[in-house]
Amino acid sequence: MVAVKRIVLGVSAGIASYKAALLLRLFKEAGHHVDVIPTEASLKFVGLATWEALSGNPVRTGVFEAVDTVNHVRLGQMADLVVVVPATADILARAAAGMANDLLTGTLLATGAPVVMAPAMHTEMWEHPATRANVATLRSRGITIIEPAVGRLTGKDSGAGRLPEPEEIFAAVAGYLADSSAARPGSPKASAASAELPLAGKIVAISAGGTREPLDPVRYLGNRSSGRQGIALAKAAMAAGARVRFIAAHMDQPAPEGVELSTASTARQLQVAVNQAARGADVLIMSAAVADFRPAEYVDSKIKKSDEHADPVITLVRNPDILALLVADRTHEGAASDLPPMIVGFAAETGDAENSVLDYGAAKLARKGCELLVVNEVGENLTFGTDENSITILSADGSAPVHATGSKDDAARAIIDAVASALAV
């Protein structure tokens, strides 16, 4: 069940602004009230008449229009959600600087509603240090920045900076549009809303991929993780209404569109990134395959193979146990902690003559102290790099294990269902 929300749709001057018209139609078809605020320059791409016809509301661009209603403050105050599509490098810079030289930037300053921005620009502009700094600033203020897609840009260019499709942006903001207040708890209406978007309003942090520990400039110690299970988890969490913070180690596929993305290479870098992403989240899912060990020393030049020298001896040292340390920090900080109340670990295990995969999983759950542990058997042709998975979800509260076999999408849905069920208790 989705309640009628007041959405402000900001449109800045990019060729992808035509996609904003398609997103507007999706919002209207879902029953929402939409006020469109284009920048003056954006009207060179899509005209005022189009926005008024599709929204059914008057459309203005300047702070000196409808002055009697104090429009530059009123629209932001009344909004339940502000979405800027496309967000050009210019609008990101002006928003980061706190400027208010048109109706859109004034509304961004005046609103207390969630703000989601979907950047679109040429790759060079997206990767410029100024843009990256502006994005980091906006994210630090709680604004959700949807990662742009990789694909065909204007002309013959191709790369990162393409605006995601309207359906993908709509799915990414679905959690903000869920009916969280219109139904009394326990009512049929509330049950229907909960079943439709069980993670609506929740923030889920997900780590994915495998870490790499450098030995010399060309070699590293790593693992076979592809990141596919983490990608499937992010998509399942967004489909359940969650806002997803995605921490990507090395993966063989791009991160899913619609997430708040951060990256890491080594285990120690991942530890920092996960700690930052987990703060203020409701759930942390540690699906990344973290290297247990790293070379004790990094050699600045390539280690040479020579018949005149003995084979090199590589000494390994332990990497930090990110999962266990987060649980320990949460316990130490107590009621003041902003670490997630639910932490989900992963155990990629192999059995042996003494114990089964589940035996090792149960021991790991007790040792780590997390709420849920996803156990799967791994090997050269099992789990890593494949599209199939077989998992068992163990719970610290003693609930019966949950088994799921099939695609990694099937496994992801089972995990997200288990998370939603545990949060609802």
Protein backbone atom coordinates (compact mmCIF):
# COMPACT_ATOMS: atom_id res chain seq x y z
CA MET A 1 0.00 0.00 0.00
CA VAL A 2 1.54 3.30 -1.05
CA ALA A 3 0.31 6.59 0.43
CA VAL A 4 0.01 9.73 -1.68
CA LYS A 5 3.24 11.70 -1.25
CA ARG A 6 4.22 15.22 -2.27
CA ILE A 7 7.31 14.94 -4.47
CA VAL A 8 9.45 17.77 -5.76
CA LEU A 9 11.11 16.72 -9.01
CA GLY A 10 14.09 18.93 -9.79
CA VAL A 11 15.40 18.90 -13.36
CA SER A 12 18.77 20.36 -14.30
CA ALA A 13 20.16 21.08 -17.74
CA GLY A 14 21.28 17.80 -19.27
CA ILE A 15 20.27 15.94 -22.38
CA ALA A 16 19.02 13.13 -20.13
CA SER A 17 16.25 15.42 -18.82
CA TYR A 18 13.80 13.64 -21.12
CA LYS A 19 14.11 10.66 -18.78
CA ALA A 20 12.86 12.88 -15.95
CA ALA A 21 9.60 13.24 -17.88
CA LEU A 22 9.26 9.46 -17.92
CA LEU A 23 10.02 9.33 -14.18
CA LEU A 24 7.37 11.99 -13.59
CA ARG A 25 4.84 9.80 -15.35
CA LEU A 26 5.76 6.86 -13.08
CA PHE A 27 5.26 9.04 -9.99
CA LYS A 28 1.88 10.21 -11.27
CA GLU A 29 0.74 6.71 -12.21
CA ALA A 30 1.57 5.65 -8.64
CA GLY A 31 -0.82 8.36 -7.42
CA HIS A 32 1.65 10.92 -6.07
CA HIS A 33 1.47 14.73 -6.23
CA VAL A 34 4.48 16.09 -8.12
CA ASP A 35 5.78 19.66 -8.30
CA VAL A 36 8.40 20.03 -11.03
CA ILE A 37 11.18 22.59 -10.61
CA PRO A 38 13.33 22.80 -13.73
CA THR A 39 16.35 25.06 -13.95
CA GLU A 40 16.04 27.80 -16.53
CA ALA A 41 18.73 26.20 -18.72
CA SER A 42 16.99 22.80 -18.60
CA LEU A 43 14.02 24.27 -20.46
CA LYS A 44 16.20 24.28 -23.58
CA PHE A 45 15.95 20.46 -23.46
CA VAL A 46 12.36 19.92 -22.23
CA GLY A 47 9.93 22.84 -22.29
CA LEU A 48 7.68 24.27 -19.58
CA ALA A 49 4.49 23.08 -21.27
CA THR A 50 5.62 19.45 -21.04
CA TRP A 51 6.21 19.66 -17.30
CA GLU A 52 2.88 21.39 -16.63
CA ALA A 53 0.95 18.96 -18.80
CA LEU A 54 2.50 15.85 -17.23
CA SER A 55 2.41 17.07 -13.62
CA GLY A 56 -0.93 18.88 -13.73
CA ASN A 57 0.62 21.69 -11.68
CA PRO A 58 2.05 25.14 -12.49
CA VAL A 59 5.81 25.10 -13.05
CA ARG A 60 8.21 27.89 -12.14
CA THR A 61 11.98 28.29 -12.17
CA GLY A 62 12.78 31.54 -10.30
CA VAL A 63 12.53 32.78 -6.74
CA PHE A 64 10.70 35.92 -7.87
CA GLU A 65 7.73 33.97 -9.23
CA ALA A 66 4.71 33.37 -6.95
CA VAL A 67 6.41 35.56 -4.34
CA ASP A 68 3.14 35.90 -2.40
CA THR A 69 3.34 32.17 -1.53
CA VAL A 70 7.07 32.33 -0.56
CA ASN A 71 7.43 29.57 -3.14
CA HIS A 72 11.16 28.90 -2.66
CA VAL A 73 10.48 27.89 0.95
CA ARG A 74 6.93 26.53 0.69
CA LEU A 75 7.69 23.77 -1.83
CA GLY A 76 10.57 22.41 0.22
CA GLN A 77 8.62 22.55 3.47
CA MET A 78 5.64 20.69 2.01
CA ALA A 79 7.66 17.98 0.24
CA ASP A 80 7.86 14.39 1.43
CA LEU A 81 10.70 13.71 -1.02
CA VAL A 82 12.91 15.78 -3.32
CA VAL A 83 14.40 14.03 -6.36
CA VAL A 84 16.81 15.75 -8.77
CA VAL A 85 16.96 14.04 -12.18
CA PRO A 86 19.28 14.55 -13.93
CA ALA A 87 21.73 16.12 -11.49
CA THR A 88 24.41 17.81 -13.57
CA ALA A 89 27.89 18.69 -12.35
CA ASP A 90 26.65 22.28 -12.05
CA ILE A 91 23.70 21.50 -9.77
CA LEU A 92 25.87 19.19 -7.62
CA ALA A 93 28.39 22.01 -7.20
CA ARG A 94 25.77 24.63 -6.38
CA ALA A 95 24.00 22.32 -3.92
CA ALA A 96 27.28 21.43 -2.21
CA ALA A 97 28.14 25.13 -1.90
CA GLY A 98 24.73 25.92 -0.41
CA MET A 99 23.81 28.35 -3.16
CA ALA A 100 20.22 29.50 -3.64
CA ASN A 101 20.25 31.44 -6.90
CA ASP A 102 17.18 29.78 -8.43
CA LEU A 103 14.03 28.03 -7.26
CA LEU A 104 15.57 24.54 -7.30
CA THR A 105 18.63 25.33 -5.18
CA GLY A 106 16.50 27.44 -2.83
CA THR A 107 14.14 24.51 -2.35
CA LEU A 108 17.08 22.17 -1.65
CA LEU A 109 18.14 24.48 1.18
CA ALA A 110 14.63 24.87 2.58
CA THR A 111 13.50 21.26 2.65
CA GLY A 112 13.69 18.87 5.56
CA ALA A 113 12.58 15.97 3.36
CA PRO A 114 14.88 13.23 2.07
CA VAL A 115 16.81 14.33 -1.02
CA VAL A 116 17.86 11.93 -3.78
CA MET A 117 20.04 13.06 -6.68
CA ALA A 118 20.75 11.05 -9.83
CA PRO A 119 23.83 12.48 -11.57
CA ALA A 120 24.28 12.39 -15.35
CA MET A 121 27.24 13.86 -17.22
CA HIS A 122 30.25 12.93 -19.31
CA THR A 123 32.71 10.52 -17.69
CA GLU A 124 35.46 13.13 -17.41
CA MET A 125 33.12 15.46 -15.53
CA TRP A 126 31.88 12.69 -13.22
CA GLU A 127 35.44 11.60 -12.39
CA HIS A 128 36.81 15.14 -11.93
CA PRO A 129 38.12 15.70 -8.38
CA ALA A 130 35.79 18.68 -7.94
CA THR A 131 32.71 16.60 -8.73
CA ARG A 132 33.88 13.72 -6.53
CA ALA A 133 34.43 16.17 -3.66
CA ASN A 134 30.97 17.68 -4.15
CA VAL A 135 29.39 14.23 -4.15
CA ALA A 136 31.24 13.33 -0.94
CA THR A 137 30.08 16.58 0.67
CA LEU A 138 26.45 16.00 -0.26
CA ARG A 139 26.55 12.41 0.97
CA SER A 140 28.06 13.55 4.27
CA ARG A 141 24.96 15.74 4.71
CA GLY A 142 22.62 12.77 4.27
CA ILE A 143 21.74 13.29 0.60
CA THR A 144 21.41 10.07 -1.38
CA ILE A 145 23.44 10.08 -4.59
CA ILE A 146 22.50 7.34 -7.05
CA GLU A 147 25.56 6.09 -8.89
CA PRO A 148 25.33 6.80 -12.63
CA ALA A 149 25.23 3.91 -15.05
CA VAL A 150 27.99 2.93 -17.44
CA GLY A 151 27.00 3.10 -21.10
CA ARG A 152 26.47 5.25 -24.16
CA LEU A 153 26.61 8.98 -23.49
CA THR A 154 26.01 11.94 -25.79
CA GLY A 155 27.50 11.43 -29.23
CA LYS A 156 30.01 8.59 -29.56
CA ASP A 157 31.19 8.72 -25.95
CA SER A 158 30.69 5.80 -23.61
CA GLY A 159 31.52 5.35 -19.93
CA ALA A 160 30.34 6.14 -16.40
CA GLY A 161 27.91 9.06 -16.28
CA ARG A 162 24.80 7.74 -17.99
CA LEU A 163 21.53 8.43 -16.17
CA PRO A 164 19.90 5.18 -14.94
CA GLU A 165 16.59 4.29 -16.52
CA PRO A 166 13.47 5.90 -14.97
CA GLU A 167 12.22 2.51 -13.70
CA GLU A 168 15.51 1.99 -11.85
CA ILE A 169 15.35 5.43 -10.23
CA PHE A 170 11.73 4.83 -9.28
CA ALA A 171 12.72 1.53 -7.62
CA ALA A 172 15.61 3.24 -5.81
CA VAL A 173 13.27 5.77 -4.14
CA ALA A 174 10.45 3.30 -3.45
CA GLY A 175 11.42 3.04 0.21
CA TYR A 176 10.82 6.77 0.69
CA LEU A 177 7.34 6.48 -0.81
CA ALA A 178 6.08 3.61 1.34
CA ASP A 179 3.02 4.17 3.50
CA SER A 180 4.61 4.30 6.95
CA SER A 181 1.96 6.32 8.81
CA ALA A 182 -1.45 5.86 7.23
CA ALA A 183 -2.25 2.57 8.91
CA ARG A 184 -2.49 1.57 12.54
CA PRO A 185 -0.01 -1.17 13.57
CA GLY A 186 -1.62 -4.58 13.33
CA SER A 187 -4.35 -3.47 10.92
CA PRO A 188 -4.87 -5.31 7.61
CA LYS A 189 -3.70 -2.19 5.79
CA ALA A 190 -0.48 -2.09 7.82
CA SER A 191 0.08 -5.81 7.24
CA ALA A 192 -0.34 -5.37 3.50
CA ALA A 193 2.12 -2.46 3.45
CA SER A 194 4.64 -4.43 5.50
CA ALA A 195 4.34 -7.43 3.21
CA GLU A 196 4.80 -5.27 0.12
CA LEU A 197 7.87 -3.35 1.31
CA PRO A 198 9.09 -5.00 4.53
CA LEU A 199 12.28 -2.90 4.67
CA ALA A 200 10.64 0.43 3.85
CA GLY A 201 12.49 3.25 5.59
CA LYS A 202 15.40 0.99 6.58
CA ILE A 203 19.06 1.54 5.71
CA VAL A 204 20.93 -1.62 4.75
CA ALA A 205 24.73 -1.62 4.36
CA ILE A 206 26.10 -4.46 2.22
CA SER A 207 29.73 -5.37 1.55
CA ALA A 208 30.53 -7.42 -1.54
CA GLY A 209 33.35 -8.84 -3.64
CA GLY A 210 36.79 -10.01 -2.60
CA THR A 211 39.71 -8.13 -1.06
CA ARG A 212 43.20 -8.20 -2.56
CA GLU A 213 46.36 -7.95 -0.47
CA PRO A 214 49.32 -6.62 -2.51
CA LEU A 215 52.63 -8.47 -2.46
CA ASP A 216 54.47 -6.36 -5.04
CA PRO A 217 53.31 -3.95 -7.79
CA VAL A 218 51.98 -6.81 -9.95
CA ARG A 219 50.99 -9.59 -7.53
CA TYR A 220 48.44 -9.93 -4.76
CA LEU A 221 46.86 -12.47 -2.41
CA GLY A 222 43.15 -12.71 -3.16
CA ASN A 223 40.19 -15.04 -3.54
CA ARG A 224 37.66 -16.18 -6.13
CA SER A 225 34.75 -13.97 -5.03
CA SER A 226 32.90 -12.31 -7.93
CA GLY A 227 30.61 -10.03 -5.90
CA ARG A 228 27.52 -11.48 -7.59
CA GLN A 229 25.86 -12.52 -4.33
CA GLY A 230 26.35 -9.03 -2.88
CA ILE A 231 24.86 -7.47 -6.00
CA ALA A 232 21.84 -9.77 -5.74
CA LEU A 233 21.46 -8.83 -2.06
CA ALA A 234 21.49 -5.12 -2.88
CA LYS A 235 18.80 -5.55 -5.52
CA ALA A 236 16.65 -7.66 -3.18
CA ALA A 237 17.01 -5.11 -0.36
CA MET A 238 16.03 -2.22 -2.65
CA ALA A 239 13.06 -4.23 -3.93
CA ALA A 240 12.01 -4.61 -0.27
CA GLY A 241 12.06 -0.83 0.12
CA ALA A 242 15.48 -0.34 1.73
CA ARG A 243 18.02 2.37 1.08
CA VAL A 244 21.27 0.53 0.32
CA ARG A 245 24.82 1.53 1.12
CA PHE A 246 27.06 -0.72 -0.99
CA ILE A 247 30.72 -1.27 -0.14
CA ALA A 248 32.42 -2.89 -3.13
CA ALA A 249 35.72 -4.73 -3.03
CA HIS A 250 36.94 -6.32 -6.28
CA MET A 251 34.02 -7.63 -8.36
CA ASP A 252 33.65 -8.98 -11.88
CA GLN A 253 30.46 -6.95 -12.45
CA PRO A 254 29.60 -3.27 -11.84
CA ALA A 255 27.79 -2.26 -8.68
CA PRO A 256 24.00 -2.17 -9.01
CA GLU A 257 22.38 1.13 -9.91
CA GLY A 258 20.50 2.93 -7.17
CA VAL A 259 22.94 2.24 -4.32
CA GLU A 260 25.17 4.61 -2.35
CA LEU A 261 28.55 3.28 -3.44
CA SER A 262 31.90 3.20 -1.70
CA THR A 263 34.89 1.09 -2.70
CA ALA A 264 37.82 -0.65 -1.05
CA SER A 265 40.67 -2.88 -2.18
CA THR A 266 42.38 -4.41 0.86
CA ALA A 267 40.89 -5.81 4.05
CA ARG A 268 42.07 -2.82 6.07
CA GLN A 269 40.53 -0.41 3.57
CA LEU A 270 37.31 -2.41 3.68
CA GLN A 271 37.30 -2.20 7.47
CA VAL A 272 37.31 1.62 7.30
CA ALA A 273 34.67 1.76 4.56
CA VAL A 274 32.34 -0.71 6.30
CA ASN A 275 32.65 1.10 9.62
CA GLN A 276 31.63 4.36 7.95
CA ALA A 277 28.74 2.84 5.99
CA ALA A 278 27.42 0.87 8.97
CA ARG A 279 27.03 3.92 11.20
CA GLY A 280 23.34 4.82 11.35
CA ALA A 281 22.27 1.78 9.33
CA ASP A 282 19.60 -0.65 10.49
CA VAL A 283 21.30 -3.73 9.03
CA LEU A 284 24.82 -4.65 7.97
CA ILE A 285 25.28 -7.64 5.65
CA MET A 286 28.93 -8.67 5.40
CA SER A 287 28.88 -10.69 2.18
CA ALA A 288 32.37 -9.61 1.07
CA ALA A 289 35.03 -12.31 0.99
CA VAL A 290 37.72 -10.77 3.19
CA ALA A 291 41.24 -12.17 2.96
CA ASP A 292 42.18 -13.66 6.32
CA PHE A 293 45.87 -12.99 5.75
CA ARG A 294 48.10 -10.46 4.01
CA PRO A 295 51.81 -10.46 3.17
CA ALA A 296 53.82 -9.17 6.11
CA GLU A 297 55.88 -7.01 3.77
CA TYR A 298 55.11 -5.19 0.53
CA VAL A 299 57.97 -5.14 -1.98
CA ASP A 300 58.19 -1.91 -3.99
CA SER A 301 59.51 -3.63 -7.13
CA LYS A 302 58.45 -6.85 -8.82
CA ILE A 303 59.93 -9.93 -7.14
CA LYS A 304 62.20 -11.48 -9.76
CA LYS A 305 62.44 -15.15 -10.59
CA SER A 306 66.07 -16.14 -10.93
CA ASP A 307 67.94 -19.42 -11.13
CA GLU A 308 70.68 -17.84 -9.05
CA HIS A 309 68.48 -17.27 -6.00
CA ALA A 310 66.40 -19.51 -3.76
CA ASP A 311 62.62 -19.39 -3.99
CA PRO A 312 61.22 -16.48 -2.01
CA VAL A 313 59.57 -17.10 1.33
CA ILE A 314 56.39 -15.08 1.87
CA THR A 315 55.40 -14.47 5.48
CA LEU A 316 51.71 -13.84 6.14
CA VAL A 317 50.05 -11.93 8.98
CA ARG A 318 46.40 -11.86 10.04
CA ASN A 319 44.01 -9.24 8.73
CA PRO A 320 41.52 -7.60 11.12
CA ASP A 321 38.33 -9.58 11.75
CA ILE A 322 35.95 -6.86 10.54
CA LEU A 323 32.76 -8.64 11.60
CA ALA A 324 33.92 -9.54 15.11
CA LEU A 325 35.38 -6.07 15.70
CA LEU A 326 32.12 -4.37 14.71
CA VAL A 327 30.14 -6.58 17.08
CA ALA A 328 32.66 -5.83 19.85
CA ASP A 329 32.45 -2.07 19.15
CA ARG A 330 28.67 -2.22 19.30
CA THR A 331 28.80 -4.00 22.65
CA HIS A 332 31.38 -1.58 24.03
CA GLU A 333 29.44 1.51 22.93
CA GLY A 334 26.21 0.16 24.41
CA ALA A 335 23.02 2.18 24.10
CA ALA A 336 24.93 5.10 22.55
CA SER A 337 26.10 2.99 19.60
CA ASP A 338 24.90 3.89 16.12
CA LEU A 339 26.09 0.57 14.73
CA PRO A 340 23.34 -1.65 13.28
CA PRO A 341 21.21 -3.67 15.71
CA MET A 342 21.33 -6.47 13.15
CA ILE A 343 24.60 -7.72 11.69
CA VAL A 344 24.61 -10.57 9.19
CA GLY A 345 27.81 -12.51 8.64
CA PHE A 346 28.82 -14.92 5.90
CA ALA A 347 30.72 -18.13 6.35
CA ALA A 348 32.29 -19.50 3.17
CA GLU A 349 33.29 -22.91 4.46
CA THR A 350 34.67 -26.27 3.34
CA GLY A 351 34.06 -29.43 5.33
CA ASP A 352 36.72 -31.95 6.29
CA ALA A 353 37.05 -35.36 7.93
CA GLU A 354 36.33 -33.92 11.38
CA ASN A 355 33.45 -31.48 10.85
CA SER A 356 30.78 -30.59 8.30
CA VAL A 357 30.25 -27.18 6.73
CA LEU A 358 27.35 -26.51 9.13
CA ASP A 359 29.45 -27.55 12.14
CA TYR A 360 32.03 -24.93 11.24
CA GLY A 361 29.24 -22.42 10.54
CA ALA A 362 27.61 -22.89 13.94
CA ALA A 363 30.97 -22.44 15.66
CA LYS A 364 31.62 -19.28 13.67
CA LEU A 365 28.20 -17.83 14.60
CA ALA A 366 28.95 -18.34 18.29
CA ARG A 367 32.43 -16.87 17.90
CA LYS A 368 31.45 -13.79 15.89
CA GLY A 369 28.42 -12.76 17.94
CA CYS A 370 26.32 -11.55 14.99
CA GLU A 371 22.54 -12.03 14.74
CA LEU A 372 22.45 -14.10 11.53
CA LEU A 373 25.09 -16.13 9.70
CA VAL A 374 24.76 -17.26 6.10
CA VAL A 375 26.68 -20.48 5.59
CA ASN A 376 27.63 -21.85 2.19
CA GLU A 377 30.04 -24.46 0.94
CA VAL A 378 32.69 -23.08 -1.39
CA GLY A 379 35.27 -24.54 -3.71
CA GLU A 380 36.73 -24.21 -7.17
CA ASN A 381 33.36 -24.94 -8.80
CA LEU A 382 31.11 -24.03 -5.89
CA THR A 383 29.61 -20.57 -5.21
CA PHE A 384 32.53 -18.32 -6.24
CA GLY A 385 32.10 -17.01 -9.78
CA THR A 386 28.95 -19.02 -10.46
CA ASP A 387 25.29 -18.01 -10.75
CA GLU A 388 24.10 -20.69 -8.33
CA ASN A 389 24.25 -20.92 -4.56
CA SER A 390 23.09 -23.16 -1.75
CA ILE A 391 22.90 -21.53 1.66
CA THR A 392 21.81 -22.17 5.21
CA ILE A 393 20.87 -19.21 7.41
CA LEU A 394 21.67 -19.72 11.09
CA SER A 395 20.20 -17.50 13.78
CA ALA A 396 21.77 -16.57 17.12
CA ASP A 397 18.37 -16.75 18.81
CA GLY A 398 18.14 -20.47 18.14
CA SER A 399 15.49 -20.29 15.41
CA ALA A 400 15.33 -23.20 12.99
CA PRO A 401 17.90 -22.94 10.18
CA VAL A 402 16.59 -21.68 6.83
CA HIS A 403 17.81 -23.45 3.69
CA ALA A 404 17.72 -22.01 0.17
CA THR A 405 19.04 -23.44 -3.07
CA GLY A 406 18.90 -21.97 -6.55
CA SER A 407 20.19 -18.81 -8.19
CA LYS A 408 22.02 -16.14 -6.25
CA ASP A 409 18.89 -14.00 -6.67
CA ASP A 410 16.91 -16.78 -4.92
CA ALA A 411 19.48 -16.89 -2.12
CA ALA A 412 19.39 -13.09 -1.79
CA ARG A 413 15.61 -13.04 -1.45
CA ALA A 414 15.79 -15.74 1.25
CA ILE A 415 18.37 -13.71 3.18
CA ILE A 416 16.43 -10.45 2.90
CA ASP A 417 13.23 -12.28 3.96
CA ALA A 418 15.10 -13.63 7.02
CA VAL A 419 16.38 -10.14 7.85
CA ALA A 420 12.90 -8.61 7.52
CA SER A 421 11.37 -11.36 9.68
CA ALA A 422 13.99 -10.89 12.38
CA LEU A 423 13.54 -7.10 12.40
CA ALA A 424 9.77 -7.52 12.72
CA VAL A 425 10.05 -9.58 15.92
